[in-house]
Amino acid sequence: MKKLTAFVTATLITGIVISGSSVFASSQTTENLDSLTEKKDDQMMDSSNFMKTSGVITDVKKDKDSTTLIVEDKENESETHILLSEEALLFSSKTTEAFEQGNLEKGMNITAYYDKNKPMIMIYPPRITPEIIIVNEGDMGQVKISQFDDQFVSLDNDLKLNIAEETILLNENGKEIKQEDLHGKELMVFYDVSTKSIPAQTTPNKIIALNNQDQLFEAVQEIVGDDYYIKSDKKLLPVRKVAEHLGYKVKWHSKQSSVELTKQNQSIQIHLGKEEYSLNRSIRHFEVIPVMINHTAYVSEEILGLLLAE
């Protein structure tokens, strides 16, 4: 009986020790996982100039000047208001082709990418004006937007690209480019399947080299300095100073109160006091009306996307 009691007591003590070790190990594992998750998040932040948000379109609100998508992320129980700009790039994940803004409708699942360096108003629900929108169609068709190293491994180490002869290579204006033109650019990669290795490997269907918005904004901010205005929560930049730095010829038309920007085959006509402007004779609209202050014309910073176009 004493032997049985001793055995039970020893077993209980051993059990407590083992249990305590398990709890300690579990705690360490959780901390390690949290650390790895934080490291992964940091890698993702550093690997791209864009932040992203995904969800289902629950409403499309239109007025004469703008279109706003109400997007719901059911998994995170959040809502985002997405303001569409005419400069935004839209693509189908399934076809890899451009997607018309007018075809966006309720029930569609989308992923919106917006420049992480642009200032945002801290309100809820958040309002963003994305540079890129992917319409997620069907089971096949995946999209990754990231910077890649010289071996075409994404900087977050998630994906390695094995570029084949049949892989379509374009710039964001739809012009064919060569593989060497991909280096140093943020890439939008369309692919179907990938290996289960780390990093996963894939042969992309299409790659689009994006303009380096991050470097552009840094250069422009340095040139502009404190010479800007905030109107309707948007930053307005001195158009002549910015355009000339980016290689444009700038001409002022006093009778029309307009500014003309020209570079190679690109022509932009901006009318002060009016939201309409023309890009190669195509009428578009600014989010904020350009103004003249102290004999200097100021235009919404969204014009940077146009000035960067090749």
C-alpha atoms as a PDB file:
ATOM      1  CA  MET A   1       0.000   0.000   0.000  1.00  0.00           C
ATOM      2  CA  LYS A   2       2.821   2.354   0.893  1.00  0.00           C
ATOM      3  CA  LYS A   3       4.528   1.490  -2.406  1.00  0.00           C
ATOM      4  CA  LEU A   4       1.293   2.265  -4.311  1.00  0.00           C
ATOM      5  CA  THR A   5       0.895   5.570  -2.478  1.00  0.00           C
ATOM      6  CA  ALA A   6       4.503   6.507  -3.205  1.00  0.00           C
ATOM      7  CA  PHE A   7       4.055   5.597  -6.871  1.00  0.00           C
ATOM      8  CA  VAL A   8       0.903   7.729  -7.198  1.00  0.00           C
ATOM      9  CA  THR A   9       2.574  10.644  -5.400  1.00  0.00           C
ATOM     10  CA  ALA A  10       5.643  10.437  -7.641  1.00  0.00           C
ATOM     11  CA  THR A  11       3.459  10.245 -10.716  1.00  0.00           C
ATOM     12  CA  LEU A  12       1.505  13.331  -9.675  1.00  0.00           C
ATOM     13  CA  ILE A  13       4.691  15.267  -8.972  1.00  0.00           C
ATOM     14  CA  THR A  14       6.171  14.199 -12.296  1.00  0.00           C
ATOM     15  CA  GLY A  15       2.943  15.146 -14.020  1.00  0.00           C
ATOM     16  CA  ILE A  16       3.057  18.596 -12.487  1.00  0.00           C
ATOM     17  CA  VAL A  17       6.634  19.095 -13.593  1.00  0.00           C
ATOM     18  CA  ILE A  18       5.878  17.881 -17.122  1.00  0.00           C
ATOM     19  CA  SER A  19       2.787  20.050 -17.277  1.00  0.00           C
ATOM     20  CA  GLY A  20       4.759  23.050 -16.095  1.00  0.00           C
ATOM     21  CA  SER A  21       7.414  22.394 -18.717  1.00  0.00           C
ATOM     22  CA  SER A  22       4.719  22.101 -21.373  1.00  0.00           C
ATOM     23  CA  VAL A  23       3.185  25.422 -20.355  1.00  0.00           C
ATOM     24  CA  PHE A  24       6.617  27.068 -20.410  1.00  0.00           C
ATOM     25  CA  ALA A  25       7.400  25.557 -23.812  1.00  0.00           C
ATOM     26  CA  SER A  26       3.987  26.607 -25.103  1.00  0.00           C
ATOM     27  CA  SER A  27       4.582  30.128 -23.835  1.00  0.00           C
ATOM     28  CA  GLN A  28       7.968  30.231 -25.553  1.00  0.00           C
ATOM     29  CA  THR A  29       6.460  28.910 -28.780  1.00  0.00           C
ATOM     30  CA  THR A  30       3.725  31.550 -28.698  1.00  0.00           C
ATOM     31  CA  GLU A  31       6.281  34.289 -28.115  1.00  0.00           C
ATOM     32  CA  ASN A  32       8.414  32.958 -30.964  1.00  0.00           C
ATOM     33  CA  LEU A  33       5.417  32.842 -33.292  1.00  0.00           C
ATOM     34  CA  ASP A  34       4.460  36.382 -32.325  1.00  0.00           C
ATOM     35  CA  SER A  35       8.026  37.485 -33.000  1.00  0.00           C
ATOM     36  CA  LEU A  36       8.036  35.746 -36.369  1.00  0.00           C
ATOM     37  CA  THR A  37       4.674  37.292 -37.254  1.00  0.00           C
ATOM     38  CA  GLU A  38       5.929  40.773 -36.369  1.00  0.00           C
ATOM     39  CA  LYS A  39       9.090  40.153 -38.408  1.00  0.00           C
ATOM     40  CA  LYS A  40       6.965  38.954 -41.324  1.00  0.00           C
ATOM     41  CA  ASP A  41       4.787  42.064 -41.130  1.00  0.00           C
ATOM     42  CA  ASP A  42       7.890  44.259 -41.146  1.00  0.00           C
ATOM     43  CA  GLN A  43       9.228  42.399 -44.194  1.00  0.00           C
ATOM     44  CA  MET A  44       5.936  42.899 -46.016  1.00  0.00           C
ATOM     45  CA  MET A  45       5.960  46.607 -45.173  1.00  0.00           C
ATOM     46  CA  ASP A  46       9.525  46.992 -46.486  1.00  0.00           C
ATOM     47  CA  SER A  47       9.001  44.860 -49.592  1.00  0.00           C
ATOM     48  CA  SER A  48       6.422  47.127 -51.227  1.00  0.00           C
ATOM     49  CA  ASN A  49       5.539  50.782 -51.617  1.00  0.00           C
ATOM     50  CA  PHE A  50       1.881  49.846 -51.251  1.00  0.00           C
ATOM     51  CA  MET A  51      -0.519  48.948 -48.502  1.00  0.00           C
ATOM     52  CA  LYS A  52      -3.546  46.849 -49.434  1.00  0.00           C
ATOM     53  CA  THR A  53      -7.088  46.201 -48.341  1.00  0.00           C
ATOM     54  CA  SER A  54      -9.465  43.511 -49.610  1.00  0.00           C
ATOM     55  CA  GLY A  55     -13.165  42.873 -49.422  1.00  0.00           C
ATOM     56  CA  VAL A  56     -16.489  42.661 -51.200  1.00  0.00           C
ATOM     57  CA  ILE A  57     -18.157  45.654 -52.815  1.00  0.00           C
ATOM     58  CA  THR A  58     -21.415  46.241 -50.952  1.00  0.00           C
ATOM     59  CA  ASP A  59     -22.367  49.499 -52.661  1.00  0.00           C
ATOM     60  CA  VAL A  60     -21.312  51.742 -55.537  1.00  0.00           C
ATOM     61  CA  LYS A  61     -22.063  55.420 -54.936  1.00  0.00           C
ATOM     62  CA  LYS A  62     -21.897  57.731 -57.931  1.00  0.00           C
ATOM     63  CA  ASP A  63     -22.356  61.446 -58.427  1.00  0.00           C
ATOM     64  CA  LYS A  64     -21.423  63.711 -61.301  1.00  0.00           C
ATOM     65  CA  ASP A  65     -17.878  64.159 -60.023  1.00  0.00           C
ATOM     66  CA  SER A  66     -16.835  60.874 -58.448  1.00  0.00           C
ATOM     67  CA  THR A  67     -17.461  57.182 -57.770  1.00  0.00           C
ATOM     68  CA  THR A  68     -16.987  55.637 -54.333  1.00  0.00           C
ATOM     69  CA  LEU A  69     -16.936  51.916 -53.580  1.00  0.00           C
ATOM     70  CA  ILE A  70     -18.111  50.723 -50.173  1.00  0.00           C
ATOM     71  CA  VAL A  71     -16.004  47.633 -49.455  1.00  0.00           C
ATOM     72  CA  GLU A  72     -16.641  45.255 -46.571  1.00  0.00           C
ATOM     73  CA  ASP A  73     -14.024  42.927 -45.108  1.00  0.00           C
ATOM     74  CA  LYS A  74     -16.180  40.342 -43.329  1.00  0.00           C
ATOM     75  CA  GLU A  75     -13.231  38.489 -41.823  1.00  0.00           C
ATOM     76  CA  ASN A  76     -11.992  41.585 -39.982  1.00  0.00           C
ATOM     77  CA  GLU A  77     -15.470  43.122 -39.615  1.00  0.00           C
ATOM     78  CA  SER A  78     -14.307  46.381 -41.197  1.00  0.00           C
ATOM     79  CA  GLU A  79     -15.436  48.741 -43.939  1.00  0.00           C
ATOM     80  CA  THR A  80     -13.434  50.915 -46.330  1.00  0.00           C
ATOM     81  CA  HIS A  81     -14.596  53.691 -48.647  1.00  0.00           C
ATOM     82  CA  ILE A  82     -12.616  53.586 -51.894  1.00  0.00           C
ATOM     83  CA  LEU A  83     -12.638  56.698 -54.061  1.00  0.00           C
ATOM     84  CA  LEU A  84     -11.906  55.881 -57.699  1.00  0.00           C
ATOM     85  CA  SER A  85      -9.518  58.097 -59.631  1.00  0.00           C
ATOM     86  CA  GLU A  86      -9.196  58.128 -63.399  1.00  0.00           C
ATOM     87  CA  GLU A  87      -5.499  57.315 -63.079  1.00  0.00           C
ATOM     88  CA  ALA A  88      -6.050  54.094 -61.097  1.00  0.00           C
ATOM     89  CA  LEU A  89      -4.903  50.854 -62.731  1.00  0.00           C
ATOM     90  CA  LEU A  90      -7.589  48.132 -62.742  1.00  0.00           C
ATOM     91  CA  PHE A  91      -6.955  44.503 -63.681  1.00  0.00           C
ATOM     92  CA  SER A  92      -8.713  41.150 -63.552  1.00  0.00           C
ATOM     93  CA  SER A  93      -6.796  38.478 -61.658  1.00  0.00           C
ATOM     94  CA  LYS A  94      -8.281  35.840 -63.964  1.00  0.00           C
ATOM     95  CA  THR A  95      -7.619  37.332 -67.417  1.00  0.00           C
ATOM     96  CA  THR A  96      -4.686  39.599 -66.377  1.00  0.00           C
ATOM     97  CA  GLU A  97      -6.261  42.209 -68.659  1.00  0.00           C
ATOM     98  CA  ALA A  98      -7.366  45.740 -67.817  1.00  0.00           C
ATOM     99  CA  PHE A  99     -10.776  46.017 -66.141  1.00  0.00           C
ATOM    100  CA  GLU A 100     -13.175  48.870 -66.860  1.00  0.00           C
ATOM    101  CA  GLN A 101     -14.158  51.016 -63.871  1.00  0.00           C
ATOM    102  CA  GLY A 102     -17.723  51.154 -65.138  1.00  0.00           C
ATOM    103  CA  ASN A 103     -17.988  47.364 -64.764  1.00  0.00           C
ATOM    104  CA  LEU A 104     -17.326  47.405 -61.010  1.00  0.00           C
ATOM    105  CA  GLU A 105     -20.485  46.315 -59.185  1.00  0.00           C
ATOM    106  CA  LYS A 106     -21.889  44.946 -55.941  1.00  0.00           C
ATOM    107  CA  GLY A 107     -20.732  41.490 -54.933  1.00  0.00           C
ATOM    108  CA  MET A 108     -17.308  41.698 -56.576  1.00  0.00           C
ATOM    109  CA  ASN A 109     -14.281  40.796 -54.482  1.00  0.00           C
ATOM    110  CA  ILE A 110     -11.461  43.295 -54.922  1.00  0.00           C
ATOM    111  CA  THR A 111      -8.041  44.130 -53.529  1.00  0.00           C
ATOM    112  CA  ALA A 112      -7.059  47.803 -53.502  1.00  0.00           C
ATOM    113  CA  TYR A 113      -3.426  48.941 -53.278  1.00  0.00           C
ATOM    114  CA  TYR A 114      -2.611  52.470 -52.117  1.00  0.00           C
ATOM    115  CA  ASP A 115       0.696  54.281 -51.666  1.00  0.00           C
ATOM    116  CA  LYS A 116       1.833  53.897 -48.070  1.00  0.00           C
ATOM    117  CA  ASN A 117       3.766  57.185 -48.238  1.00  0.00           C
ATOM    118  CA  LYS A 118       0.742  59.353 -48.973  1.00  0.00           C
ATOM    119  CA  PRO A 119      -0.880  61.149 -46.019  1.00  0.00           C
ATOM    120  CA  MET A 120      -4.214  59.716 -44.855  1.00  0.00           C
ATOM    121  CA  ILE A 121      -6.999  61.257 -42.821  1.00  0.00           C
ATOM    122  CA  MET A 122      -7.459  59.313 -39.583  1.00  0.00           C
ATOM    123  CA  ILE A 123     -11.203  58.705 -39.749  1.00  0.00           C
ATOM    124  CA  TYR A 124     -13.479  55.691 -39.696  1.00  0.00           C
ATOM    125  CA  PRO A 125     -14.433  54.208 -41.999  1.00  0.00           C
ATOM    126  CA  PRO A 126     -11.105  54.924 -43.731  1.00  0.00           C
ATOM    127  CA  ARG A 127     -11.194  56.643 -47.121  1.00  0.00           C
ATOM    128  CA  ILE A 128      -8.498  55.772 -49.626  1.00  0.00           C
ATOM    129  CA  THR A 129      -7.754  56.592 -53.259  1.00  0.00           C
ATOM    130  CA  PRO A 130      -5.870  53.522 -54.530  1.00  0.00           C
ATOM    131  CA  GLU A 131      -3.372  53.455 -57.356  1.00  0.00           C
ATOM    132  CA  ILE A 132      -4.207  49.823 -58.230  1.00  0.00           C
ATOM    133  CA  ILE A 133      -7.355  47.697 -57.955  1.00  0.00           C
ATOM    134  CA  ILE A 134      -7.397  43.953 -58.651  1.00  0.00           C
ATOM    135  CA  VAL A 135     -10.771  42.325 -59.305  1.00  0.00           C
ATOM    136  CA  ASN A 136     -10.431  38.808 -57.891  1.00  0.00           C
ATOM    137  CA  GLU A 137     -12.254  36.560 -60.361  1.00  0.00           C
ATOM    138  CA  GLY A 138     -12.443  32.769 -60.107  1.00  0.00           C
ATOM    139  CA  ASP A 139     -10.264  30.274 -58.261  1.00  0.00           C
ATOM    140  CA  MET A 140      -7.326  30.565 -60.638  1.00  0.00           C
ATOM    141  CA  GLY A 141      -5.336  33.720 -61.037  1.00  0.00           C
ATOM    142  CA  GLN A 142      -3.187  35.177 -58.282  1.00  0.00           C
ATOM    143  CA  VAL A 143      -1.527  38.571 -58.078  1.00  0.00           C
ATOM    144  CA  LYS A 144       1.472  39.711 -56.066  1.00  0.00           C
ATOM    145  CA  ILE A 145       2.773  43.280 -55.922  1.00  0.00           C
ATOM    146  CA  SER A 146       6.232  43.574 -54.460  1.00  0.00           C
ATOM    147  CA  GLN A 147       9.818  44.620 -54.968  1.00  0.00           C
ATOM    148  CA  PHE A 148      12.199  41.825 -56.019  1.00  0.00           C
ATOM    149  CA  ASP A 149      15.945  41.297 -55.769  1.00  0.00           C
ATOM    150  CA  ASP A 150      18.306  40.613 -58.689  1.00  0.00           C
ATOM    151  CA  GLN A 151      17.337  36.907 -58.645  1.00  0.00           C
ATOM    152  CA  PHE A 152      13.653  37.896 -58.780  1.00  0.00           C
ATOM    153  CA  VAL A 153      12.913  36.777 -55.245  1.00  0.00           C
ATOM    154  CA  SER A 154      10.381  39.034 -53.537  1.00  0.00           C
ATOM    155  CA  LEU A 155      11.876  41.017 -50.655  1.00  0.00           C
ATOM    156  CA  ASP A 156       9.484  39.326 -48.222  1.00  0.00           C
ATOM    157  CA  ASN A 157      10.897  35.961 -49.434  1.00  0.00           C
ATOM    158  CA  ASP A 158       7.438  34.700 -50.402  1.00  0.00           C
ATOM    159  CA  LEU A 159       7.819  34.221 -54.150  1.00  0.00           C
ATOM    160  CA  LYS A 160      10.554  33.523 -56.697  1.00  0.00           C
ATOM    161  CA  LEU A 161       9.890  34.263 -60.351  1.00  0.00           C
ATOM    162  CA  ASN A 162      11.081  31.891 -63.078  1.00  0.00           C
ATOM    163  CA  ILE A 163      10.568  34.130 -66.087  1.00  0.00           C
ATOM    164  CA  ALA A 164       9.925  32.217 -69.320  1.00  0.00           C
ATOM    165  CA  GLU A 165       9.913  33.294 -72.956  1.00  0.00           C
ATOM    166  CA  GLU A 166       6.121  33.274 -72.954  1.00  0.00           C
ATOM    167  CA  THR A 167       5.894  35.527 -69.886  1.00  0.00           C
ATOM    168  CA  ILE A 168       4.430  38.874 -70.983  1.00  0.00           C
ATOM    169  CA  LEU A 169       6.527  41.825 -69.772  1.00  0.00           C
ATOM    170  CA  LEU A 170       4.979  45.312 -69.821  1.00  0.00           C
ATOM    171  CA  ASN A 171       5.328  48.700 -68.188  1.00  0.00           C
ATOM    172  CA  GLU A 172       2.235  50.173 -66.552  1.00  0.00           C
ATOM    173  CA  ASN A 173       1.372  52.004 -69.773  1.00  0.00           C
ATOM    174  CA  GLY A 174       1.059  48.681 -71.611  1.00  0.00           C
ATOM    175  CA  LYS A 175       4.292  48.924 -73.602  1.00  0.00           C
ATOM    176  CA  GLU A 176       6.462  45.813 -74.025  1.00  0.00           C
ATOM    177  CA  ILE A 177       9.723  45.852 -72.113  1.00  0.00           C
ATOM    178  CA  LYS A 178      12.715  43.539 -71.643  1.00  0.00           C
ATOM    179  CA  GLN A 179      13.595  41.448 -68.611  1.00  0.00           C
ATOM    180  CA  GLU A 180      16.425  43.796 -67.639  1.00  0.00           C
ATOM    181  CA  ASP A 181      13.881  46.627 -67.440  1.00  0.00           C
ATOM    182  CA  LEU A 182      12.259  44.876 -64.459  1.00  0.00           C
ATOM    183  CA  HIS A 183      15.216  45.475 -62.148  1.00  0.00           C
ATOM    184  CA  GLY A 184      14.750  48.184 -59.561  1.00  0.00           C
ATOM    185  CA  LYS A 185      10.997  48.415 -60.160  1.00  0.00           C
ATOM    186  CA  GLU A 186       8.043  47.338 -58.086  1.00  0.00           C
ATOM    187  CA  LEU A 187       6.408  44.450 -59.980  1.00  0.00           C
ATOM    188  CA  MET A 188       2.802  43.383 -60.394  1.00  0.00           C
ATOM    189  CA  VAL A 189       2.968  39.631 -61.008  1.00  0.00           C
ATOM    190  CA  PHE A 190       0.105  37.546 -62.413  1.00  0.00           C
ATOM    191  CA  TYR A 191       0.423  33.782 -61.973  1.00  0.00           C
ATOM    192  CA  ASP A 192      -1.686  30.636 -61.568  1.00  0.00           C
ATOM    193  CA  VAL A 193       0.225  28.016 -59.573  1.00  0.00           C
ATOM    194  CA  SER A 194       3.327  27.936 -57.411  1.00  0.00           C
ATOM    195  CA  THR A 195       5.421  25.339 -55.605  1.00  0.00           C
ATOM    196  CA  LYS A 196       5.130  24.699 -51.859  1.00  0.00           C
ATOM    197  CA  SER A 197       8.790  25.531 -51.296  1.00  0.00           C
ATOM    198  CA  ILE A 198      10.136  28.509 -49.360  1.00  0.00           C
ATOM    199  CA  PRO A 199      10.093  30.768 -51.191  1.00  0.00           C
ATOM    200  CA  ALA A 200       7.360  29.468 -53.471  1.00  0.00           C
ATOM    201  CA  GLN A 201       8.364  29.424 -57.139  1.00  0.00           C
ATOM    202  CA  THR A 202       6.228  30.246 -60.132  1.00  0.00           C
ATOM    203  CA  THR A 203       6.402  30.930 -63.852  1.00  0.00           C
ATOM    204  CA  PRO A 204       4.359  34.134 -64.234  1.00  0.00           C
ATOM    205  CA  ASN A 205       1.817  34.703 -66.986  1.00  0.00           C
ATOM    206  CA  LYS A 206       2.407  38.447 -66.992  1.00  0.00           C
ATOM    207  CA  ILE A 207       4.590  40.974 -65.172  1.00  0.00           C
ATOM    208  CA  ILE A 208       3.926  44.704 -65.127  1.00  0.00           C
ATOM    209  CA  ALA A 209       6.759  46.982 -63.995  1.00  0.00           C
ATOM    210  CA  LEU A 210       5.335  49.813 -61.935  1.00  0.00           C
ATOM    211  CA  ASN A 211       6.754  53.297 -61.762  1.00  0.00           C
ATOM    212  CA  ASN A 212       8.746  53.869 -58.592  1.00  0.00           C
ATOM    213  CA  GLN A 213       6.285  56.126 -56.807  1.00  0.00           C
ATOM    214  CA  ASP A 214       8.286  55.974 -53.600  1.00  0.00           C
ATOM    215  CA  GLN A 215      11.400  57.536 -55.113  1.00  0.00           C
ATOM    216  CA  LEU A 216       9.270  60.053 -57.000  1.00  0.00           C
ATOM    217  CA  PHE A 217       7.506  61.279 -53.881  1.00  0.00           C
ATOM    218  CA  GLU A 218      10.766  61.504 -51.957  1.00  0.00           C
ATOM    219  CA  ALA A 219      12.386  63.580 -54.715  1.00  0.00           C
ATOM    220  CA  VAL A 220       9.338  65.816 -55.097  1.00  0.00           C
ATOM    221  CA  GLN A 221       8.990  66.351 -51.349  1.00  0.00           C
ATOM    222  CA  GLU A 222      12.624  67.422 -51.182  1.00  0.00           C
ATOM    223  CA  ILE A 223      12.151  69.901 -54.015  1.00  0.00           C
ATOM    224  CA  VAL A 224       8.835  71.251 -52.770  1.00  0.00           C
ATOM    225  CA  GLY A 225       9.840  71.540 -49.113  1.00  0.00           C
ATOM    226  CA  ASP A 226       7.304  73.766 -47.337  1.00  0.00           C
ATOM    227  CA  ASP A 227       5.985  75.210 -50.588  1.00  0.00           C
ATOM    228  CA  TYR A 228       2.571  73.506 -50.628  1.00  0.00           C
ATOM    229  CA  TYR A 229      -1.012  74.049 -49.503  1.00  0.00           C
ATOM    230  CA  ILE A 230      -3.630  71.816 -47.927  1.00  0.00           C
ATOM    231  CA  LYS A 231      -7.135  72.104 -49.357  1.00  0.00           C
ATOM    232  CA  SER A 232     -10.013  69.742 -48.584  1.00  0.00           C
ATOM    233  CA  ASP A 233      -7.500  67.528 -46.758  1.00  0.00           C
ATOM    234  CA  LYS A 234      -5.460  67.174 -49.966  1.00  0.00           C
ATOM    235  CA  LYS A 235      -1.949  68.458 -50.626  1.00  0.00           C
ATOM    236  CA  LEU A 236      -1.532  70.917 -53.498  1.00  0.00           C
ATOM    237  CA  LEU A 237       1.921  71.274 -55.079  1.00  0.00           C
ATOM    238  CA  PRO A 238       3.503  74.112 -57.108  1.00  0.00           C
ATOM    239  CA  VAL A 239       2.970  72.718 -60.569  1.00  0.00           C
ATOM    240  CA  ARG A 240       5.778  74.576 -62.376  1.00  0.00           C
ATOM    241  CA  LYS A 241       8.435  73.607 -59.831  1.00  0.00           C
ATOM    242  CA  VAL A 242       7.413  69.935 -59.893  1.00  0.00           C
ATOM    243  CA  ALA A 243       6.808  69.600 -63.643  1.00  0.00           C
ATOM    244  CA  GLU A 244      10.078  71.247 -64.685  1.00  0.00           C
ATOM    245  CA  HIS A 245      12.006  68.992 -62.313  1.00  0.00           C
ATOM    246  CA  LEU A 246      10.449  65.983 -64.046  1.00  0.00           C
ATOM    247  CA  GLY A 247      11.473  67.237 -67.489  1.00  0.00           C
ATOM    248  CA  TYR A 248       8.285  68.954 -68.638  1.00  0.00           C
ATOM    249  CA  LYS A 249       8.052  72.252 -70.483  1.00  0.00           C
ATOM    250  CA  VAL A 250       5.658  74.588 -68.698  1.00  0.00           C
ATOM    251  CA  LYS A 251       3.730  77.355 -70.461  1.00  0.00           C
ATOM    252  CA  TRP A 252       1.310  79.816 -68.879  1.00  0.00           C
ATOM    253  CA  HIS A 253      -1.705  80.996 -70.941  1.00  0.00           C
ATOM    254  CA  SER A 254      -2.940  84.171 -69.249  1.00  0.00           C
ATOM    255  CA  LYS A 255      -6.118  84.580 -71.339  1.00  0.00           C
ATOM    256  CA  GLN A 256      -7.382  81.098 -70.452  1.00  0.00           C
ATOM    257  CA  SER A 257      -5.838  81.120 -66.938  1.00  0.00           C
ATOM    258  CA  SER A 258      -4.351  77.752 -67.786  1.00  0.00           C
ATOM    259  CA  VAL A 259      -1.046  75.919 -67.509  1.00  0.00           C
ATOM    260  CA  GLU A 260       0.212  73.674 -70.303  1.00  0.00           C
ATOM    261  CA  LEU A 261       2.676  70.870 -69.550  1.00  0.00           C
ATOM    262  CA  THR A 262       4.362  69.051 -72.433  1.00  0.00           C
ATOM    263  CA  LYS A 263       6.924  66.256 -72.663  1.00  0.00           C
ATOM    264  CA  GLN A 264       7.477  64.129 -75.756  1.00  0.00           C
ATOM    265  CA  ASN A 265       3.979  62.910 -76.779  1.00  0.00           C
ATOM    266  CA  GLN A 266       2.308  63.882 -73.512  1.00  0.00           C
ATOM    267  CA  SER A 267       0.320  67.101 -73.118  1.00  0.00           C
ATOM    268  CA  ILE A 268      -1.562  68.200 -69.999  1.00  0.00           C
ATOM    269  CA  GLN A 269      -3.758  71.301 -69.923  1.00  0.00           C
ATOM    270  CA  ILE A 270      -4.744  72.568 -66.458  1.00  0.00           C
ATOM    271  CA  HIS A 271      -7.332  75.308 -65.928  1.00  0.00           C
ATOM    272  CA  LEU A 272      -7.130  77.254 -62.672  1.00  0.00           C
ATOM    273  CA  GLY A 273     -10.438  77.428 -60.831  1.00  0.00           C
ATOM    274  CA  LYS A 274     -11.782  74.392 -62.677  1.00  0.00           C
ATOM    275  CA  GLU A 275     -11.682  70.709 -61.753  1.00  0.00           C
ATOM    276  CA  GLU A 276     -11.534  69.642 -65.406  1.00  0.00           C
ATOM    277  CA  TYR A 277      -8.184  69.166 -67.111  1.00  0.00           C
ATOM    278  CA  SER A 278      -7.143  67.475 -70.328  1.00  0.00           C
ATOM    279  CA  LEU A 279      -4.610  64.722 -70.877  1.00  0.00           C
ATOM    280  CA  ASN A 280      -3.822  64.467 -74.599  1.00  0.00           C
ATOM    281  CA  ARG A 281      -7.264  66.040 -75.240  1.00  0.00           C
ATOM    282  CA  SER A 282      -9.027  63.517 -73.001  1.00  0.00           C
ATOM    283  CA  ILE A 283     -11.096  65.341 -70.354  1.00  0.00           C
ATOM    284  CA  ARG A 284     -10.451  64.301 -66.754  1.00  0.00           C
ATOM    285  CA  HIS A 285     -11.140  65.704 -63.292  1.00  0.00           C
ATOM    286  CA  PHE A 286      -9.036  66.640 -60.279  1.00  0.00           C
ATOM    287  CA  GLU A 287     -10.267  65.778 -56.804  1.00  0.00           C
ATOM    288  CA  VAL A 288      -9.409  69.328 -55.715  1.00  0.00           C
ATOM    289  CA  ILE A 289      -9.706  72.432 -57.926  1.00  0.00           C
ATOM    290  CA  PRO A 290      -6.299  73.990 -58.829  1.00  0.00           C
ATOM    291  CA  VAL A 291      -5.670  77.471 -57.430  1.00  0.00           C
ATOM    292  CA  MET A 292      -3.373  80.462 -57.930  1.00  0.00           C
ATOM    293  CA  ILE A 293      -1.680  81.737 -54.764  1.00  0.00           C
ATOM    294  CA  ASN A 294       0.893  84.550 -54.824  1.00  0.00           C
ATOM    295  CA  HIS A 295       1.294  84.206 -58.601  1.00  0.00           C
ATOM    296  CA  THR A 296       2.009  80.481 -58.300  1.00  0.00           C
ATOM    297  CA  ALA A 297      -0.303  77.726 -59.592  1.00  0.00           C
ATOM    298  CA  TYR A 298      -0.930  74.853 -57.180  1.00  0.00           C
ATOM    299  CA  VAL A 299      -2.342  71.486 -58.254  1.00  0.00           C
ATOM    300  CA  SER A 300      -3.373  68.359 -56.349  1.00  0.00           C
ATOM    301  CA  GLU A 301      -0.475  65.907 -55.894  1.00  0.00           C
ATOM    302  CA  GLU A 302      -2.470  63.283 -57.800  1.00  0.00           C
ATOM    303  CA  ILE A 303      -0.942  64.880 -60.902  1.00  0.00           C
ATOM    304  CA  LEU A 304       2.309  63.103 -60.031  1.00  0.00           C
ATOM    305  CA  GLY A 305       0.887  59.890 -61.478  1.00  0.00           C
ATOM    306  CA  LEU A 306       0.457  61.678 -64.828  1.00  0.00           C
ATOM    307  CA  LEU A 307       3.832  63.370 -64.800  1.00  0.00           C
ATOM    308  CA  LEU A 308       5.549  60.072 -64.167  1.00  0.00           C
ATOM    309  CA  ALA A 309       3.874  58.300 -67.095  1.00  0.00           C
ATOM    310  CA  GLU A 310       6.332  57.317 -69.812  1.00  0.00           C
END
